Amino acid sequence: MRGYIRTLINYLKTPKGRHDAIDYARALAIIAATAAAIGAVIAMSGE
C-alpha cells in the first residue's frame, strides 16, 4: 500500500499530475454543487 501512495504522491508532484488533480477537484466540486442544487429543488418541491 505504501508503494501506491508513494507513486501517487510522486505523480502529483509532476506538472501533469498537478494539472490532473486540479481537474479532478474541479469536477468533484461541480458534481457536489449540482447534487446540492438538485437536492434543494427536490426538498422545496415536496412542501
Protein backbone atom coordinates (compact mmCIF):
# COMPACT_ATOMS: atom_id res chain seq x y z
CA MET A 1 0.00 0.00 0.00
CA ARG A 2 2.87 2.37 0.77
CA GLY A 3 4.15 1.86 -2.77
CA TYR A 4 0.84 3.00 -4.24
CA ILE A 5 0.71 6.07 -2.02
CA ARG A 6 4.34 6.95 -2.78
CA THR A 7 3.68 6.57 -6.53
CA LEU A 8 0.59 8.77 -6.28
CA ILE A 9 2.50 11.47 -4.38
CA ASN A 10 5.31 11.38 -6.93
CA TYR A 11 2.78 11.64 -9.75
CA LEU A 12 1.08 14.63 -8.13
CA LYS A 13 4.46 16.40 -7.95
CA THR A 14 4.74 16.37 -11.76
CA PRO A 15 3.15 19.15 -13.84
CA LYS A 16 0.71 16.70 -15.47
CA GLY A 17 -0.21 15.17 -12.12
CA ARG A 18 -0.81 18.60 -10.59
CA HIS A 19 -2.98 19.58 -13.57
CA ASP A 20 -4.96 16.32 -13.35
CA ALA A 21 -5.51 16.78 -9.60
CA ILE A 22 -6.86 20.29 -10.16
CA ASP A 23 -9.16 19.00 -12.91
CA TYR A 24 -10.45 16.19 -10.69
CA ALA A 25 -11.01 18.57 -7.77
CA ARG A 26 -12.89 20.98 -10.02
CA ALA A 27 -15.07 18.16 -11.40
CA LEU A 28 -15.80 16.93 -7.88
CA ALA A 29 -16.82 20.44 -6.79
CA ILE A 30 -19.13 20.79 -9.81
CA ILE A 31 -20.73 17.40 -9.13
CA ALA A 32 -21.24 18.24 -5.44
CA ALA A 33 -22.76 21.64 -6.27
CA THR A 34 -25.09 20.09 -8.84
CA ALA A 35 -26.20 17.39 -6.40
CA ALA A 36 -26.82 20.02 -3.71
CA ALA A 37 -28.85 22.18 -6.12
CA ILE A 38 -30.95 19.21 -7.23
CA GLY A 39 -31.47 18.20 -3.60
CA ALA A 40 -32.60 21.73 -2.74
CA VAL A 41 -35.07 21.78 -5.64
CA ILE A 42 -36.48 18.41 -4.64
CA ALA A 43 -36.77 19.50 -1.00
CA MET A 44 -38.59 22.72 -1.98
CA SER A 45 -40.97 20.94 -4.35
CA GLY A 46 -42.02 18.49 -1.62
CA GLU A 47 -43.55 21.22 0.56
